[in-house]
């Protein structure tokens, strides 16, 4: 793959990650689930051919072997995303960025995003909640538009797509995935993808829904 892969993430510290899982989780349980989601994401990215793999981290977290780590900067998520692209940009090298909220990620999905840049300027994958889970850019400088896009809203994906179109970019649409934000999300993703560390962490740390059996 003639691209670099970025994972933007928060260090899995209790009280700072997956707070929407609390309750029913404790902050420590939510952090354990977040750590597992990040671990599965890193595993998928490590298994994907790439020129570089970069962890763009908020907080302290071990750098995976063979990876580079850079600190996040910016006042809001939009700025942090924009800087993630521009701070790591290399001349002539496309960038594919994902977060840590889609532990069902696979090398196939990542490769499809990079391959889409053969015929498009950008490739965007929406999330079920209206946001997006992946954005590939042939020219990382175009990520500057993200700083002005409201994040974590029901129309963040649509607003991001519109911002890219206003730049005149050809945007390929990728598969839609379910972000893990709530307990219902976590149970659904774990049930659909039961073999990873995330599913094991959900089974251990997240109480089953009322009336459900483990």
C-alpha atoms as a PDB file:
ATOM      1  CA  UNK A   1       0.000   0.000   0.000  1.00  0.00           C
ATOM      2  CA  UNK A   2       1.494   3.346  -1.065  1.00  0.00           C
ATOM      3  CA  UNK A   3      -0.014   5.188   1.902  1.00  0.00           C
ATOM      4  CA  UNK A   4       0.518   5.811   5.569  1.00  0.00           C
ATOM      5  CA  UNK A   5      -1.987   4.726   8.195  1.00  0.00           C
ATOM      6  CA  UNK A   6      -2.912   6.849  11.203  1.00  0.00           C
ATOM      7  CA  UNK A   7      -4.815   5.830  14.325  1.00  0.00           C
ATOM      8  CA  UNK A   8      -6.062   8.776  16.387  1.00  0.00           C
ATOM      9  CA  UNK A   9      -6.793   7.702  19.941  1.00  0.00           C
ATOM     10  CA  UNK A  10      -7.015   8.590  23.604  1.00  0.00           C
ATOM     11  CA  UNK A  11      -4.912   6.714  26.114  1.00  0.00           C
ATOM     12  CA  UNK A  12      -7.322   4.322  27.895  1.00  0.00           C
ATOM     13  CA  UNK A  13      -7.343   6.085  31.269  1.00  0.00           C
ATOM     14  CA  UNK A  14     -10.340   5.579  33.581  1.00  0.00           C
ATOM     15  CA  UNK A  15     -12.634   8.580  33.539  1.00  0.00           C
ATOM     16  CA  UNK A  16     -11.299   9.863  30.193  1.00  0.00           C
ATOM     17  CA  UNK A  17     -12.454   7.208  27.717  1.00  0.00           C
ATOM     18  CA  UNK A  18     -15.753   5.518  26.911  1.00  0.00           C
ATOM     19  CA  UNK A  19     -17.565   7.637  29.479  1.00  0.00           C
ATOM     20  CA  UNK A  20     -20.889   6.925  27.770  1.00  0.00           C
ATOM     21  CA  UNK A  21     -20.535   3.333  28.977  1.00  0.00           C
ATOM     22  CA  UNK A  22     -20.787   4.605  32.563  1.00  0.00           C
ATOM     23  CA  UNK A  23     -23.152   3.373  33.823  1.00  0.00           C
ATOM     24  CA  UNK A  24     -23.516   0.415  33.588  1.00  0.00           C
ATOM     25  CA  UNK A  25     -19.694   0.204  33.565  1.00  0.00           C
ATOM     26  CA  UNK A  26     -17.387   1.661  36.146  1.00  0.00           C
ATOM     27  CA  UNK A  27     -14.716   4.010  34.753  1.00  0.00           C
ATOM     28  CA  UNK A  28     -12.174   1.209  35.179  1.00  0.00           C
ATOM     29  CA  UNK A  29     -14.328  -1.235  33.214  1.00  0.00           C
ATOM     30  CA  UNK A  30     -14.899   1.320  30.467  1.00  0.00           C
ATOM     31  CA  UNK A  31     -11.155   1.927  30.230  1.00  0.00           C
ATOM     32  CA  UNK A  32     -10.518  -1.815  29.914  1.00  0.00           C
ATOM     33  CA  UNK A  33     -12.998  -1.977  27.023  1.00  0.00           C
ATOM     34  CA  UNK A  34     -11.346   1.049  25.395  1.00  0.00           C
ATOM     35  CA  UNK A  35      -7.917  -0.553  25.762  1.00  0.00           C
ATOM     36  CA  UNK A  36      -9.167  -3.677  24.044  1.00  0.00           C
ATOM     37  CA  UNK A  37     -10.739  -1.645  21.222  1.00  0.00           C
ATOM     38  CA  UNK A  38      -7.474   0.200  20.692  1.00  0.00           C
ATOM     39  CA  UNK A  39      -5.502  -3.056  20.770  1.00  0.00           C
ATOM     40  CA  UNK A  40      -7.714  -4.656  18.113  1.00  0.00           C
ATOM     41  CA  UNK A  41      -7.451  -1.523  15.981  1.00  0.00           C
ATOM     42  CA  UNK A  42      -3.657  -1.527  16.227  1.00  0.00           C
ATOM     43  CA  UNK A  43      -3.578  -5.226  15.339  1.00  0.00           C
ATOM     44  CA  UNK A  44      -5.625  -4.623  12.180  1.00  0.00           C
ATOM     45  CA  UNK A  45      -3.466  -1.685  11.121  1.00  0.00           C
ATOM     46  CA  UNK A  46      -0.248  -3.599  11.835  1.00  0.00           C
ATOM     47  CA  UNK A  47      -1.482  -6.420   9.589  1.00  0.00           C
ATOM     48  CA  UNK A  48      -2.133  -3.986   6.714  1.00  0.00           C
ATOM     49  CA  UNK A  49       0.728  -3.215   4.307  1.00  0.00           C
ATOM     50  CA  UNK A  50       1.646   0.478   4.582  1.00  0.00           C
ATOM     51  CA  UNK A  51       4.565   2.852   4.170  1.00  0.00           C
ATOM     52  CA  UNK A  52       4.198   4.100   7.751  1.00  0.00           C
ATOM     53  CA  UNK A  53       1.953   3.490  10.759  1.00  0.00           C
ATOM     54  CA  UNK A  54       1.455   6.342  13.186  1.00  0.00           C
ATOM     55  CA  UNK A  55      -0.364   6.502  16.513  1.00  0.00           C
ATOM     56  CA  UNK A  56      -1.709  10.013  17.085  1.00  0.00           C
ATOM     57  CA  UNK A  57      -2.255   9.893  20.805  1.00  0.00           C
ATOM     58  CA  UNK A  58      -3.845  12.029  23.507  1.00  0.00           C
ATOM     59  CA  UNK A  59      -2.013  11.009  26.673  1.00  0.00           C
ATOM     60  CA  UNK A  60       0.633   8.386  27.351  1.00  0.00           C
ATOM     61  CA  UNK A  61       0.504   5.019  25.611  1.00  0.00           C
ATOM     62  CA  UNK A  62       3.203   2.564  24.497  1.00  0.00           C
ATOM     63  CA  UNK A  63       4.172   2.942  20.846  1.00  0.00           C
ATOM     64  CA  UNK A  64       3.541  -0.328  18.978  1.00  0.00           C
ATOM     65  CA  UNK A  65       6.669  -1.963  17.519  1.00  0.00           C
ATOM     66  CA  UNK A  66       7.414  -0.559  14.090  1.00  0.00           C
ATOM     67  CA  UNK A  67       5.121   2.426  14.602  1.00  0.00           C
ATOM     68  CA  UNK A  68       5.726   6.120  15.216  1.00  0.00           C
ATOM     69  CA  UNK A  69       3.792   8.094  17.822  1.00  0.00           C
ATOM     70  CA  UNK A  70       2.934  11.793  17.726  1.00  0.00           C
ATOM     71  CA  UNK A  71       0.956  13.836  20.227  1.00  0.00           C
ATOM     72  CA  UNK A  72      -2.431  15.257  19.372  1.00  0.00           C
ATOM     73  CA  UNK A  73      -2.762  19.021  19.327  1.00  0.00           C
ATOM     74  CA  UNK A  74      -5.666  21.416  18.896  1.00  0.00           C
ATOM     75  CA  UNK A  75      -8.575  22.704  20.945  1.00  0.00           C
ATOM     76  CA  UNK A  76     -11.343  20.473  19.588  1.00  0.00           C
ATOM     77  CA  UNK A  77     -11.659  17.194  17.743  1.00  0.00           C
ATOM     78  CA  UNK A  78     -11.888  18.887  14.349  1.00  0.00           C
ATOM     79  CA  UNK A  79      -8.604  20.700  14.930  1.00  0.00           C
ATOM     80  CA  UNK A  80      -6.976  17.568  16.312  1.00  0.00           C
ATOM     81  CA  UNK A  81      -7.987  15.608  13.229  1.00  0.00           C
ATOM     82  CA  UNK A  82      -6.735  18.319  10.893  1.00  0.00           C
ATOM     83  CA  UNK A  83      -3.395  18.498  12.697  1.00  0.00           C
ATOM     84  CA  UNK A  84      -3.090  14.706  12.728  1.00  0.00           C
ATOM     85  CA  UNK A  85      -2.956  14.762   8.940  1.00  0.00           C
ATOM     86  CA  UNK A  86      -0.792  17.844   8.511  1.00  0.00           C
ATOM     87  CA  UNK A  87       1.674  17.038  11.311  1.00  0.00           C
ATOM     88  CA  UNK A  88       2.438  13.639   9.758  1.00  0.00           C
ATOM     89  CA  UNK A  89       2.185  14.523   6.051  1.00  0.00           C
ATOM     90  CA  UNK A  90       4.881  13.358   3.662  1.00  0.00           C
ATOM     91  CA  UNK A  91       5.228  14.697   0.105  1.00  0.00           C
ATOM     92  CA  UNK A  92       3.274  12.593  -2.352  1.00  0.00           C
ATOM     93  CA  UNK A  93       2.110  10.084   0.271  1.00  0.00           C
ATOM     94  CA  UNK A  94      -1.650   9.612   0.861  1.00  0.00           C
ATOM     95  CA  UNK A  95      -2.932   9.293   4.423  1.00  0.00           C
ATOM     96  CA  UNK A  96      -5.633   6.989   5.790  1.00  0.00           C
ATOM     97  CA  UNK A  97      -6.935   7.832   9.281  1.00  0.00           C
ATOM     98  CA  UNK A  98      -9.139   5.815  11.625  1.00  0.00           C
ATOM     99  CA  UNK A  99     -10.075   6.133  15.276  1.00  0.00           C
ATOM    100  CA  UNK A 100     -10.312   3.574  18.074  1.00  0.00           C
ATOM    101  CA  UNK A 101     -14.114   3.232  18.083  1.00  0.00           C
ATOM    102  CA  UNK A 102     -14.359   0.553  15.356  1.00  0.00           C
ATOM    103  CA  UNK A 103     -12.556  -2.517  16.719  1.00  0.00           C
ATOM    104  CA  UNK A 104     -14.213  -4.574  13.961  1.00  0.00           C
ATOM    105  CA  UNK A 105     -11.758  -2.936  11.559  1.00  0.00           C
ATOM    106  CA  UNK A 106      -9.973  -5.282   9.136  1.00  0.00           C
ATOM    107  CA  UNK A 107      -6.987  -5.009   6.797  1.00  0.00           C
ATOM    108  CA  UNK A 108      -9.424  -5.453   3.902  1.00  0.00           C
ATOM    109  CA  UNK A 109     -11.357  -2.327   4.896  1.00  0.00           C
ATOM    110  CA  UNK A 110      -8.156  -0.312   5.250  1.00  0.00           C
ATOM    111  CA  UNK A 111      -6.817  -1.491   1.915  1.00  0.00           C
ATOM    112  CA  UNK A 112     -10.105  -0.647   0.223  1.00  0.00           C
ATOM    113  CA  UNK A 113      -9.806   2.922   1.497  1.00  0.00           C
ATOM    114  CA  UNK A 114      -6.293   3.336   0.142  1.00  0.00           C
ATOM    115  CA  UNK A 115      -7.182   1.669  -3.164  1.00  0.00           C
ATOM    116  CA  UNK A 116     -10.090   4.087  -3.621  1.00  0.00           C
ATOM    117  CA  UNK A 117      -7.554   6.905  -3.923  1.00  0.00           C
ATOM    118  CA  UNK A 118      -6.444   5.452  -7.253  1.00  0.00           C
ATOM    119  CA  UNK A 119      -9.513   7.098  -8.797  1.00  0.00           C
ATOM    120  CA  UNK A 120     -10.666   9.559  -6.114  1.00  0.00           C
ATOM    121  CA  UNK A 121      -9.143  12.393  -4.127  1.00  0.00           C
ATOM    122  CA  UNK A 122     -10.671  11.210  -0.862  1.00  0.00           C
ATOM    123  CA  UNK A 123     -12.477   8.189   0.539  1.00  0.00           C
ATOM    124  CA  UNK A 124     -14.936   8.494   3.419  1.00  0.00           C
ATOM    125  CA  UNK A 125     -16.695   5.843   5.481  1.00  0.00           C
ATOM    126  CA  UNK A 126     -19.774   6.924   7.428  1.00  0.00           C
ATOM    127  CA  UNK A 127     -20.664   5.579  10.862  1.00  0.00           C
ATOM    128  CA  UNK A 128     -24.159   4.448  11.778  1.00  0.00           C
ATOM    129  CA  UNK A 129     -24.549   7.371  14.188  1.00  0.00           C
ATOM    130  CA  UNK A 130     -24.043   9.957  11.440  1.00  0.00           C
ATOM    131  CA  UNK A 131     -20.338  10.502  11.984  1.00  0.00           C
ATOM    132  CA  UNK A 132     -17.489   8.887  10.105  1.00  0.00           C
ATOM    133  CA  UNK A 133     -14.953   6.219  11.014  1.00  0.00           C
ATOM    134  CA  UNK A 134     -12.356   6.528   8.238  1.00  0.00           C
ATOM    135  CA  UNK A 135     -11.087   9.266   5.947  1.00  0.00           C
ATOM    136  CA  UNK A 136      -8.424   8.690   3.321  1.00  0.00           C
ATOM    137  CA  UNK A 137      -6.895  11.696   1.592  1.00  0.00           C
ATOM    138  CA  UNK A 138      -4.618  11.684  -1.411  1.00  0.00           C
ATOM    139  CA  UNK A 139      -3.336  15.085  -0.264  1.00  0.00           C
ATOM    140  CA  UNK A 140      -3.317  15.341   3.556  1.00  0.00           C
ATOM    141  CA  UNK A 141      -3.345  19.139   3.314  1.00  0.00           C
ATOM    142  CA  UNK A 142      -7.050  18.924   2.441  1.00  0.00           C
ATOM    143  CA  UNK A 143      -7.707  17.847   6.041  1.00  0.00           C
ATOM    144  CA  UNK A 144      -7.570  21.521   7.032  1.00  0.00           C
ATOM    145  CA  UNK A 145     -11.318  21.710   6.303  1.00  0.00           C
ATOM    146  CA  UNK A 146     -12.010  19.377   9.239  1.00  0.00           C
ATOM    147  CA  UNK A 147     -11.227  22.123  11.742  1.00  0.00           C
ATOM    148  CA  UNK A 148     -14.477  23.876  10.778  1.00  0.00           C
ATOM    149  CA  UNK A 149     -16.697  20.768  10.737  1.00  0.00           C
ATOM    150  CA  UNK A 150     -18.790  20.208  13.914  1.00  0.00           C
ATOM    151  CA  UNK A 151     -17.789  16.824  15.309  1.00  0.00           C
ATOM    152  CA  UNK A 152     -19.755  14.219  17.273  1.00  0.00           C
ATOM    153  CA  UNK A 153     -23.103  15.254  15.800  1.00  0.00           C
ATOM    154  CA  UNK A 154     -25.721  13.325  13.862  1.00  0.00           C
ATOM    155  CA  UNK A 155     -24.639  15.018  10.623  1.00  0.00           C
ATOM    156  CA  UNK A 156     -20.846  15.124  11.027  1.00  0.00           C
ATOM    157  CA  UNK A 157     -20.413  12.657   8.166  1.00  0.00           C
ATOM    158  CA  UNK A 158     -22.649  14.650   5.825  1.00  0.00           C
ATOM    159  CA  UNK A 159     -20.935  17.918   6.788  1.00  0.00           C
ATOM    160  CA  UNK A 160     -17.513  16.379   6.209  1.00  0.00           C
ATOM    161  CA  UNK A 161     -18.565  15.108   2.806  1.00  0.00           C
ATOM    162  CA  UNK A 162     -19.947  18.531   1.899  1.00  0.00           C
ATOM    163  CA  UNK A 163     -16.722  20.242   3.015  1.00  0.00           C
ATOM    164  CA  UNK A 164     -14.646  17.930   0.842  1.00  0.00           C
ATOM    165  CA  UNK A 165     -16.949  18.536  -2.126  1.00  0.00           C
ATOM    166  CA  UNK A 166     -16.597  22.292  -1.664  1.00  0.00           C
ATOM    167  CA  UNK A 167     -12.871  21.813  -2.248  1.00  0.00           C
ATOM    168  CA  UNK A 168     -13.734  20.208  -5.576  1.00  0.00           C
ATOM    169  CA  UNK A 169     -12.571  16.773  -4.454  1.00  0.00           C
ATOM    170  CA  UNK A 170     -13.842  13.514  -5.865  1.00  0.00           C
ATOM    171  CA  UNK A 171     -14.940  11.494  -2.830  1.00  0.00           C
ATOM    172  CA  UNK A 172     -15.416   7.720  -2.833  1.00  0.00           C
ATOM    173  CA  UNK A 173     -17.874   6.303  -0.305  1.00  0.00           C
ATOM    174  CA  UNK A 174     -16.709   3.348   1.782  1.00  0.00           C
ATOM    175  CA  UNK A 175     -18.575   0.821   3.927  1.00  0.00           C
ATOM    176  CA  UNK A 176     -20.627   2.129   6.846  1.00  0.00           C
ATOM    177  CA  UNK A 177     -19.603   0.763  10.253  1.00  0.00           C
ATOM    178  CA  UNK A 178     -21.035   1.006  13.750  1.00  0.00           C
ATOM    179  CA  UNK A 179     -19.023   3.135  16.163  1.00  0.00           C
ATOM    180  CA  UNK A 180     -18.803   1.916  19.741  1.00  0.00           C
ATOM    181  CA  UNK A 181     -20.127   4.743  21.896  1.00  0.00           C
ATOM    182  CA  UNK A 182     -22.875   3.207  24.036  1.00  0.00           C
ATOM    183  CA  UNK A 183     -23.455  -0.103  25.781  1.00  0.00           C
ATOM    184  CA  UNK A 184     -25.834  -1.126  22.984  1.00  0.00           C
ATOM    185  CA  UNK A 185     -23.120  -0.392  20.421  1.00  0.00           C
ATOM    186  CA  UNK A 186     -20.572  -2.424  22.359  1.00  0.00           C
ATOM    187  CA  UNK A 187     -22.855  -5.448  22.685  1.00  0.00           C
ATOM    188  CA  UNK A 188     -23.794  -5.308  18.990  1.00  0.00           C
ATOM    189  CA  UNK A 189     -20.220  -5.048  17.719  1.00  0.00           C
ATOM    190  CA  UNK A 190     -18.981  -7.735  20.110  1.00  0.00           C
ATOM    191  CA  UNK A 191     -21.761 -10.095  19.023  1.00  0.00           C
ATOM    192  CA  UNK A 192     -21.016  -9.537  15.334  1.00  0.00           C
ATOM    193  CA  UNK A 193     -17.243  -9.884  15.809  1.00  0.00           C
ATOM    194  CA  UNK A 194     -16.783 -12.263  18.729  1.00  0.00           C
ATOM    195  CA  UNK A 195     -13.142 -13.288  18.322  1.00  0.00           C
ATOM    196  CA  UNK A 196     -11.203 -10.156  19.202  1.00  0.00           C
ATOM    197  CA  UNK A 197      -9.955  -8.693  22.453  1.00  0.00           C
ATOM    198  CA  UNK A 198     -12.778  -6.175  22.324  1.00  0.00           C
ATOM    199  CA  UNK A 199     -15.453  -8.875  22.408  1.00  0.00           C
ATOM    200  CA  UNK A 200     -13.669 -10.598  25.284  1.00  0.00           C
ATOM    201  CA  UNK A 201     -13.464  -7.315  27.206  1.00  0.00           C
ATOM    202  CA  UNK A 202     -17.154  -6.605  26.642  1.00  0.00           C
ATOM    203  CA  UNK A 203     -17.998 -10.080  27.904  1.00  0.00           C
ATOM    204  CA  UNK A 204     -15.921  -9.518  31.019  1.00  0.00           C
ATOM    205  CA  UNK A 205     -16.593  -5.885  31.880  1.00  0.00           C
ATOM    206  CA  UNK A 206     -19.955  -4.827  30.418  1.00  0.00           C
ATOM    207  CA  UNK A 207     -23.092  -6.135  32.120  1.00  0.00           C
ATOM    208  CA  UNK A 208     -25.403  -7.985  29.777  1.00  0.00           C
ATOM    209  CA  UNK A 209     -28.658  -6.255  28.834  1.00  0.00           C
ATOM    210  CA  UNK A 210     -31.609  -7.022  31.074  1.00  0.00           C
ATOM    211  CA  UNK A 211     -32.994 -10.422  30.253  1.00  0.00           C
ATOM    212  CA  UNK A 212     -30.014 -11.436  28.123  1.00  0.00           C
ATOM    213  CA  UNK A 213     -27.904 -14.469  28.751  1.00  0.00           C
ATOM    214  CA  UNK A 214     -24.129 -14.674  28.519  1.00  0.00           C
END
